[in-house]
Protein backbone atom coordinates (compact mmCIF):
# COMPACT_ATOMS: atom_id res chain seq x y z
CA UNK A 1 0.00 0.00 0.00
CA UNK A 2 0.99 3.65 -0.10
CA UNK A 3 1.70 3.44 3.63
CA UNK A 4 4.29 0.76 3.02
CA UNK A 5 2.16 -2.08 4.32
CA UNK A 6 2.27 -5.42 2.58
CA UNK A 7 -1.15 -6.66 1.55
CA UNK A 8 -1.66 -10.38 1.86
CA UNK A 9 -3.95 -11.98 -0.66
CA UNK A 10 -6.64 -13.99 1.04
CA UNK A 11 -6.12 -17.68 0.46
CA UNK A 12 -8.91 -20.14 -0.28
CA UNK A 13 -8.76 -23.89 -0.48
CA UNK A 14 -8.94 -25.57 -3.85
CA UNK A 15 -12.22 -27.10 -2.66
CA UNK A 16 -13.67 -23.56 -2.27
CA UNK A 17 -12.41 -22.29 -5.63
CA UNK A 18 -15.14 -21.77 -8.23
CA UNK A 19 -15.17 -23.75 -11.47
CA UNK A 20 -13.57 -21.67 -14.23
CA UNK A 21 -11.24 -19.83 -11.85
CA UNK A 22 -7.48 -19.74 -12.41
CA UNK A 23 -5.41 -19.67 -9.24
CA UNK A 24 -1.85 -19.94 -8.02
CA UNK A 25 -1.22 -22.73 -5.53
CA UNK A 26 0.39 -21.01 -2.54
CA UNK A 27 0.55 -23.50 0.33
CA UNK A 28 -0.03 -27.11 1.21
CA UNK A 29 -1.65 -27.35 4.63
CA UNK A 30 -0.07 -30.68 5.50
CA UNK A 31 3.33 -32.01 6.45
CA UNK A 32 2.55 -35.70 5.87
CA UNK A 33 5.50 -36.98 3.76
CA UNK A 34 3.35 -39.43 1.80
CA UNK A 35 0.84 -36.73 0.84
CA UNK A 36 3.56 -34.24 -0.04
CA UNK A 37 5.31 -36.85 -2.20
CA UNK A 38 2.05 -37.68 -3.99
CA UNK A 39 1.29 -34.00 -4.61
CA UNK A 40 4.81 -33.47 -5.99
CA UNK A 41 4.35 -36.44 -8.34
CA UNK A 42 1.12 -34.82 -9.55
CA UNK A 43 2.87 -31.43 -10.08
CA UNK A 44 0.62 -29.89 -7.41
CA UNK A 45 3.25 -27.87 -5.59
CA UNK A 46 3.38 -24.25 -4.42
CA UNK A 47 3.86 -21.87 -7.31
CA UNK A 48 1.94 -23.87 -9.91
CA UNK A 49 -0.86 -22.09 -11.78
CA UNK A 50 -4.03 -24.10 -12.35
CA UNK A 51 -7.61 -23.70 -13.48
CA UNK A 52 -10.55 -25.48 -11.88
CA UNK A 53 -12.39 -27.07 -14.81
CA UNK A 54 -14.95 -29.24 -13.01
CA UNK A 55 -16.11 -30.37 -9.60
CA UNK A 56 -18.22 -33.41 -8.94
CA UNK A 57 -21.15 -33.10 -6.53
CA UNK A 58 -21.48 -34.57 -3.04
CA UNK A 59 -17.89 -33.92 -1.94
CA UNK A 60 -16.58 -35.46 -5.14
CA UNK A 61 -13.25 -34.65 -6.74
CA UNK A 62 -12.12 -31.37 -8.25
CA UNK A 63 -10.66 -31.53 -11.76
CA UNK A 64 -7.95 -28.99 -12.57
CA UNK A 65 -5.92 -28.09 -15.65
CA UNK A 66 -2.30 -27.22 -14.96
CA UNK A 67 -0.46 -24.43 -16.79
CA UNK A 68 1.10 -27.06 -19.12
CA UNK A 69 -2.32 -28.30 -20.24
CA UNK A 70 -2.36 -31.54 -18.25
CA UNK A 71 -5.33 -32.34 -16.05
CA UNK A 72 -5.40 -33.73 -12.55
CA UNK A 73 -8.23 -35.14 -10.45
CA UNK A 74 -7.94 -33.99 -6.84
CA UNK A 75 -9.97 -35.71 -4.13
CA UNK A 76 -11.91 -33.64 -1.62
CA UNK A 77 -9.52 -34.49 1.25
CA UNK A 78 -6.53 -33.10 -0.65
CA UNK A 79 -8.46 -30.18 -2.16
CA UNK A 80 -9.13 -28.96 1.39
CA UNK A 81 -5.36 -28.88 2.06
CA UNK A 82 -4.34 -26.89 -1.04
CA UNK A 83 -4.43 -23.14 -0.39
CA UNK A 84 -4.64 -20.88 -3.44
CA UNK A 85 -4.79 -17.21 -4.32
CA UNK A 86 -6.28 -15.64 -7.43
CA UNK A 87 -3.93 -15.67 -10.40
CA UNK A 88 -3.02 -12.36 -11.97
CA UNK A 89 -2.85 -14.04 -15.39
CA UNK A 90 0.94 -14.01 -15.79
């Protein structure tokens, strides 16, 4: 801001992100090595840009398209641990 304060973008979980929204994955809210390894294998790591392309009803999975065009299916449990901020379209 003009006063020199740093504004923090409000983070939302991937599970809360609306279909059609492009976001930047900021944080993983888990330290479980197995989950972190799985997310890394799926290229779902902080800094990746992704677009929510579909979400199944009744706590079903969220389908995302990564910046390289690949798609990933993310279960509800993991989607609640992935914290994102709106992408500025870079």
